[in-house]
PDB file of N, CA and C in Angstrom:
ATOM      1  N   MET A   1     -10.796  13.409  20.376  1.00  0.00           N
ATOM      2  CA  MET A   1      -9.385  13.007  19.754  1.00  0.00           C
ATOM      3  C   MET A   1      -8.890  13.788  18.479  1.00  0.00           C
ATOM      4  N   THR A   2      -7.786  13.978  17.798  1.00  0.00           N
ATOM      5  CA  THR A   2      -7.609  14.688  16.702  1.00  0.00           C
ATOM      6  C   THR A   2      -6.675  14.112  16.122  1.00  0.00           C
ATOM      7  N   MET A   3      -6.673  13.926  14.552  1.00  0.00           N
ATOM      8  CA  MET A   3      -5.591  13.396  13.785  1.00  0.00           C
ATOM      9  C   MET A   3      -5.086  13.570  12.560  1.00  0.00           C
ATOM     10  N   ARG A   4      -4.458  13.356  11.718  1.00  0.00           N
ATOM     11  CA  ARG A   4      -4.324  14.255  10.508  1.00  0.00           C
ATOM     12  C   ARG A   4      -4.707  13.033   9.305  1.00  0.00           C
ATOM     13  N   CYS A   5      -5.610  13.765   8.468  1.00  0.00           N
ATOM     14  CA  CYS A   5      -6.025  12.963   7.522  1.00  0.00           C
ATOM     15  C   CYS A   5      -4.808  12.511   6.650  1.00  0.00           C
ATOM     16  N   PRO A   6      -5.164  11.214   6.049  1.00  0.00           N
ATOM     17  CA  PRO A   6      -3.797  10.423   5.531  1.00  0.00           C
ATOM     18  C   PRO A   6      -3.539  11.225   4.446  1.00  0.00           C
ATOM     19  N   ILE A   7      -4.466  11.604   3.576  1.00  0.00           N
ATOM     20  CA  ILE A   7      -4.558  12.130   1.905  1.00  0.00           C
ATOM     21  C   ILE A   7      -3.883  13.468   1.942  1.00  0.00           C
ATOM     22  N   CYS A   8      -4.458  14.666   2.528  1.00  0.00           N
ATOM     23  CA  CYS A   8      -4.455  15.706   2.938  1.00  0.00           C
ATOM     24  C   CYS A   8      -3.782  16.404   3.854  1.00  0.00           C
ATOM     25  N   LYS A   9      -3.454  15.758   4.939  1.00  0.00           N
ATOM     26  CA  LYS A   9      -2.458  15.893   6.181  1.00  0.00           C
ATOM     27  C   LYS A   9      -3.264  16.780   7.055  1.00  0.00           C
ATOM     28  N   GLN A  10      -4.446  17.150   6.364  1.00  0.00           N
ATOM     29  CA  GLN A  10      -5.360  18.318   7.674  1.00  0.00           C
ATOM     30  C   GLN A  10      -5.534  17.922   8.812  1.00  0.00           C
ATOM     31  N   SER A  11      -5.873  18.561   9.773  1.00  0.00           N
ATOM     32  CA  SER A  11      -6.414  18.093  11.199  1.00  0.00           C
ATOM     33  C   SER A  11      -7.985  17.642  11.386  1.00  0.00           C
ATOM     34  N   VAL A  12      -7.999  16.490  11.669  1.00  0.00           N
ATOM     35  CA  VAL A  12      -9.243  16.439  11.516  1.00  0.00           C
ATOM     36  C   VAL A  12      -9.749  15.669  13.236  1.00  0.00           C
ATOM     37  N   THR A  13     -11.293  15.616  13.394  1.00  0.00           N
ATOM     38  CA  THR A  13     -11.495  15.169  14.705  1.00  0.00           C
ATOM     39  C   THR A  13     -11.968  13.613  14.424  1.00  0.00           C
ATOM     40  N   TRP A  14     -11.863  12.920  15.416  1.00  0.00           N
ATOM     41  CA  TRP A  14     -12.245  11.353  15.084  1.00  0.00           C
ATOM     42  C   TRP A  14     -13.598  11.436  15.454  1.00  0.00           C
ATOM     43  N   GLU A  15     -13.807  11.722  16.725  1.00  0.00           N
ATOM     44  CA  GLU A  15     -15.783  11.722  17.179  1.00  0.00           C
ATOM     45  C   GLU A  15     -16.663  12.584  16.585  1.00  0.00           C
ATOM     46  N   GLY A  16     -17.846  11.970  15.612  1.00  0.00           N
ATOM     47  CA  GLY A  16     -18.820  12.646  15.088  1.00  0.00           C
ATOM     48  C   GLY A  16     -18.150  12.881  13.507  1.00  0.00           C
ATOM     49  N   ASN A  17     -17.215  12.836  13.108  1.00  0.00           N
ATOM     50  CA  ASN A  17     -16.544  12.017  11.371  1.00  0.00           C
ATOM     51  C   ASN A  17     -17.269  11.107  10.642  1.00  0.00           C
ATOM     52  N   ALA A  18     -18.021  11.887   9.867  1.00  0.00           N
ATOM     53  CA  ALA A  18     -18.399   9.883   9.112  1.00  0.00           C
ATOM     54  C   ALA A  18     -17.596   9.708   8.342  1.00  0.00           C
ATOM     55  N   PHE A  19     -16.200  10.491   7.866  1.00  0.00           N
ATOM     56  CA  PHE A  19     -15.336   9.941   6.975  1.00  0.00           C
ATOM     57  C   PHE A  19     -14.091   9.535   7.661  1.00  0.00           C
ATOM     58  N   ARG A  20     -14.147   9.185   8.887  1.00  0.00           N
ATOM     59  CA  ARG A  20     -12.484   9.055   9.818  1.00  0.00           C
ATOM     60  C   ARG A  20     -12.315   7.645   8.886  1.00  0.00           C
ATOM     61  N   PRO A  21     -11.004   7.815   9.188  1.00  0.00           N
ATOM     62  CA  PRO A  21     -10.021   8.581   9.311  1.00  0.00           C
ATOM     63  C   PRO A  21      -9.593   9.835   8.393  1.00  0.00           C
ATOM     64  N   PHE A  22     -10.358   9.978   7.432  1.00  0.00           N
ATOM     65  CA  PHE A  22     -10.631  11.254   6.626  1.00  0.00           C
ATOM     66  C   PHE A  22     -11.355  12.205   6.829  1.00  0.00           C
ATOM     67  N   CYS A  23     -10.679  13.313   6.513  1.00  0.00           N
ATOM     68  CA  CYS A  23     -11.686  14.676   6.701  1.00  0.00           C
ATOM     69  C   CYS A  23     -12.786  15.175   5.861  1.00  0.00           C
ATOM     70  N   SER A  24     -12.615  14.123   4.631  1.00  0.00           N
ATOM     71  CA  SER A  24     -14.024  14.436   3.810  1.00  0.00           C
ATOM     72  C   SER A  24     -14.116  13.511   2.833  1.00  0.00           C
ATOM     73  N   GLU A  25     -15.531  13.313   2.329  1.00  0.00           N
ATOM     74  CA  GLU A  25     -15.800  12.472   1.095  1.00  0.00           C
ATOM     75  C   GLU A  25     -14.510  12.228  -0.104  1.00  0.00           C
ATOM     76  N   ARG A  26     -13.969  13.659  -0.604  1.00  0.00           N
ATOM     77  CA  ARG A  26     -12.996  13.588  -1.664  1.00  0.00           C
ATOM     78  C   ARG A  26     -12.014  12.967  -1.263  1.00  0.00           C
ATOM     79  N   CYS A  27     -11.540  12.961   0.181  1.00  0.00           N
ATOM     80  CA  CYS A  27     -10.080  12.337   0.227  1.00  0.00           C
ATOM     81  C   CYS A  27     -10.187  10.976   0.787  1.00  0.00           C
ATOM     82  N   LYS A  28     -11.447  10.254   1.009  1.00  0.00           N
ATOM     83  CA  LYS A  28     -11.985   9.213   1.318  1.00  0.00           C
ATOM     84  C   LYS A  28     -11.809   8.395  -0.215  1.00  0.00           C
ATOM     85  N   MET A  29     -12.584   9.114  -0.972  1.00  0.00           N
ATOM     86  CA  MET A  29     -12.462   8.425  -2.498  1.00  0.00           C
ATOM     87  C   MET A  29     -11.048   8.489  -2.910  1.00  0.00           C
ATOM     88  N   ILE A  30     -10.081   9.675  -2.745  1.00  0.00           N
ATOM     89  CA  ILE A  30      -8.972   9.650  -3.564  1.00  0.00           C
ATOM     90  C   ILE A  30      -8.530   8.669  -3.006  1.00  0.00           C
ATOM     91  N   ASP A  31      -8.328   8.196  -1.309  1.00  0.00           N
ATOM     92  CA  ASP A  31      -7.732   6.949  -0.926  1.00  0.00           C
ATOM     93  C   ASP A  31      -8.028   5.620  -1.746  1.00  0.00           C
ATOM     94  N   LEU A  32      -9.776   5.587  -1.769  1.00  0.00           N
ATOM     95  CA  LEU A  32     -10.019   4.578  -2.660  1.00  0.00           C
ATOM     96  C   LEU A  32      -9.820   4.237  -4.082  1.00  0.00           C
ATOM     97  N   ASP A  33      -9.811   5.112  -4.777  1.00  0.00           N
ATOM     98  CA  ASP A  33      -8.976   5.145  -5.895  1.00  0.00           C
ATOM     99  C   ASP A  33      -7.421   4.668  -6.101  1.00  0.00           C
ATOM    100  N   ASN A  34      -6.626   4.973  -4.957  1.00  0.00           N
ATOM    101  CA  ASN A  34      -5.316   4.762  -4.662  1.00  0.00           C
ATOM    102  C   ASN A  34      -5.390   3.102  -4.692  1.00  0.00           C
ATOM    103  N   TRP A  35      -6.113   2.138  -3.910  1.00  0.00           N
ATOM    104  CA  TRP A  35      -5.963   0.890  -3.817  1.00  0.00           C
ATOM    105  C   TRP A  35      -6.571   0.161  -5.259  1.00  0.00           C
ATOM    106  N   LEU A  36      -7.846   1.050  -5.947  1.00  0.00           N
ATOM    107  CA  LEU A  36      -8.251   0.488  -7.017  1.00  0.00           C
ATOM    108  C   LEU A  36      -7.094   0.370  -7.886  1.00  0.00           C
ATOM    109  N   GLU A  37      -6.445   1.772  -8.134  1.00  0.00           N
ATOM    110  CA  GLU A  37      -5.455   1.473  -9.232  1.00  0.00           C
ATOM    111  C   GLU A  37      -4.073   0.629  -8.978  1.00  0.00           C
ATOM    112  N   GLY A  38      -3.835   0.410  -7.400  1.00  0.00           N
ATOM    113  CA  GLY A  38      -2.754  -0.598  -7.385  1.00  0.00           C
ATOM    114  C   GLY A  38      -1.088   0.543  -7.073  1.00  0.00           C
ATOM    115  N   ARG A  39      -1.860   1.594  -6.567  1.00  0.00           N
ATOM    116  CA  ARG A  39      -0.922   2.312  -6.008  1.00  0.00           C
ATOM    117  C   ARG A  39      -0.488   2.178  -4.453  1.00  0.00           C
ATOM    118  N   TYR A  40      -1.427   1.339  -3.846  1.00  0.00           N
ATOM    119  CA  TYR A  40      -1.183   0.881  -2.478  1.00  0.00           C
ATOM    120  C   TYR A  40      -0.666  -0.959  -2.747  1.00  0.00           C
ATOM    121  N   ARG A  41      -0.090  -1.079  -2.181  1.00  0.00           N
ATOM    122  CA  ARG A  41       0.410  -2.597  -2.018  1.00  0.00           C
ATOM    123  C   ARG A  41       0.839  -3.157  -0.514  1.00  0.00           C
ATOM    124  N   VAL A  42       0.179  -4.324  -0.296  1.00  0.00           N
ATOM    125  CA  VAL A  42       0.143  -5.007   0.267  1.00  0.00           C
ATOM    126  C   VAL A  42       1.553  -6.293   0.187  1.00  0.00           C
ATOM    127  N   PRO A  43       2.620  -6.140   0.819  1.00  0.00           N
ATOM    128  CA  PRO A  43       3.267  -7.121   0.579  1.00  0.00           C
ATOM    129  C   PRO A  43       3.307  -8.659   1.228  1.00  0.00           C
ATOM    130  N   ALA A  44       3.394  -9.590   0.621  1.00  0.00           N
ATOM    131  CA  ALA A  44       2.678 -10.919   0.956  1.00  0.00           C
ATOM    132  C   ALA A  44       3.995 -12.123   0.744  1.00  0.00           C
ATOM    133  N   PRO A  45       4.136 -12.832   1.960  1.00  0.00           N
ATOM    134  CA  PRO A  45       5.141 -13.751   1.594  1.00  0.00           C
ATOM    135  C   PRO A  45       5.312 -14.322   0.673  1.00  0.00           C
ATOM    136  N   LEU A  46       6.410 -14.682   0.163  1.00  0.00           N
ATOM    137  CA  LEU A  46       6.319 -16.050  -0.730  1.00  0.00           C
ATOM    138  C   LEU A  46       6.637 -17.264  -0.546  1.00  0.00           C
ATOM    139  N   ASP A  47       5.478 -18.185  -1.147  1.00  0.00           N
ATOM    140  CA  ASP A  47       5.303 -19.213  -0.966  1.00  0.00           C
ATOM    141  C   ASP A  47       6.793 -20.133  -1.038  1.00  0.00           C
ATOM    142  N   PRO A  48       7.210 -21.192  -0.792  1.00  0.00           N
ATOM    143  CA  PRO A  48       8.752 -21.936  -0.494  1.00  0.00           C
ATOM    144  C   PRO A  48       8.913 -22.207  -1.796  1.00  0.00           C
ATOM    145  N   ASP A  49       7.856 -22.674  -2.549  1.00  0.00           N
ATOM    146  CA  ASP A  49       7.868 -22.879  -4.157  1.00  0.00           C
ATOM    147  C   ASP A  49       8.744 -21.389  -4.822  1.00  0.00           C
ATOM    148  N   GLU A  50       8.008 -20.501  -4.672  1.00  0.00           N
ATOM    149  CA  GLU A  50       8.525 -19.353  -5.391  1.00  0.00           C
ATOM    150  C   GLU A  50       9.603 -19.143  -5.088  1.00  0.00           C
ATOM    151  N   GLU A  51       9.983 -19.020  -3.689  1.00  0.00           N
ATOM    152  CA  GLU A  51      11.423 -18.245  -3.047  1.00  0.00           C
ATOM    153  C   GLU A  51      12.294 -19.249  -3.789  1.00  0.00           C
ATOM    154  N   ASN A  52      12.152 -20.531  -4.249  1.00  0.00           N
ATOM    155  CA  ASN A  52      13.111 -21.361  -4.543  1.00  0.00           C
ATOM    156  C   ASN A  52      13.097 -21.132  -6.336  1.00  0.00           C
ATOM    157  N   ALA A  53      12.247 -20.683  -6.876  1.00  0.00           N
ATOM    158  CA  ALA A  53      12.366 -20.451  -8.232  1.00  0.00           C
ATOM    159  C   ALA A  53      12.819 -18.866  -8.361  1.00  0.00           C
ATOM    160  N   ALA A  54      12.751 -18.307  -7.622  1.00  0.00           N
ATOM    161  CA  ALA A  54      13.589 -16.989  -7.705  1.00  0.00           C
ATOM    162  C   ALA A  54      15.006 -16.890  -7.263  1.00  0.00           C
ATOM    163  N   GLY A  55      14.950 -17.555  -6.174  1.00  0.00           N
ATOM    164  CA  GLY A  55      16.641 -17.860  -6.135  1.00  0.00           C
ATOM    165  C   GLY A  55      17.231 -18.387  -7.106  1.00  0.00           C
ATOM    166  N   GLU A  56      16.794 -19.665  -7.942  1.00  0.00           N
ATOM    167  CA  GLU A  56      17.330 -19.867  -8.945  1.00  0.00           C
ATOM    168  C   GLU A  56      17.346 -19.463  -9.936  1.00  0.00           C
ATOM    169  N   SER A  57      16.569 -18.467 -10.223  1.00  0.00           N
ATOM    170  CA  SER A  57      16.828 -17.813 -11.692  1.00  0.00           C
ATOM    171  C   SER A  57      17.686 -16.252 -11.694  1.00  0.00           C
ATOM    172  N   SER A  58      17.935 -15.825  -9.816  1.00  0.00           N
ATOM    173  CA  SER A  58      19.032 -14.748 -10.261  1.00  0.00           C
ATOM    174  C   SER A  58      20.156 -15.535  -9.889  1.00  0.00           C
ATOM    175  N   ALA A  59      20.387 -17.134  -9.375  1.00  0.00           N
ATOM    176  CA  ALA A  59      21.764 -17.598 -10.024  1.00  0.00           C
ATOM    177  C   ALA A  59      21.716 -17.543 -11.125  1.00  0.00           C
ATOM    178  N   ASP A  60      20.858 -18.297 -12.137  1.00  0.00           N
ATOM    179  CA  ASP A  60      21.349 -18.074 -13.266  1.00  0.00           C
ATOM    180  C   ASP A  60      21.308 -17.261 -14.279  1.00  0.00           C
ATOM    181  N   SER A  61      21.083 -15.887 -13.776  1.00  0.00           N
ATOM    182  CA  SER A  61      21.374 -14.523 -14.639  1.00  0.00           C
ATOM    183  C   SER A  61      22.647 -14.363 -14.078  1.00  0.00           C
ATOM    184  N   LYS A  62      22.805 -14.660 -12.840  1.00  0.00           N
ATOM    185  CA  LYS A  62      24.444 -14.247 -12.585  1.00  0.00           C
ATOM    186  C   LYS A  62      25.754 -15.075 -13.142  1.00  0.00           C
ATOM    187  N   GLY A  63      25.228 -16.391 -13.630  1.00  0.00           N
ATOM    188  CA  GLY A  63      26.257 -17.105 -14.336  1.00  0.00           C
ATOM    189  C   GLY A  63      26.208 -16.565 -15.450  1.00  0.00           C
ATOM    190  N   GLU A  64      25.143 -15.577 -16.018  1.00  0.00           N
ATOM    191  CA  GLU A  64      25.099 -15.274 -17.499  1.00  0.00           C
ATOM    192  C   GLU A  64      25.979 -14.126 -17.754  1.00  0.00           C
ATOM    193  N   LEU A  65      25.955 -13.777 -16.402  1.00  0.00           N
ATOM    194  CA  LEU A  65      26.351 -12.307 -16.812  1.00  0.00           C
ATOM    195  C   LEU A  65      28.071 -12.344 -16.541  1.00  0.00           C
ATOM    196  N   ASP A  66      28.543 -13.485 -15.789  1.00  0.00           N
ATOM    197  CA  ASP A  66      30.187 -13.321 -15.753  1.00  0.00           C
ATOM    198  C   ASP A  66      30.631 -13.714 -16.887  1.00  0.00           C
TER     199      ASP A  66
END
């Protein structure tokens, strides 16, 4: 099975690849750095209280702009 490295897009085999899904340790470390520096983000649903607070603050700011 072949696939593309998510970092450099080079074709890489799945079987026997110690760095899969990456092509090399270098690409694996680049990806780790991206996570550690916050370049990747996983969206999380808002809590109902946070959602209400966000809605109220945007409604307040709309009233101030008019």
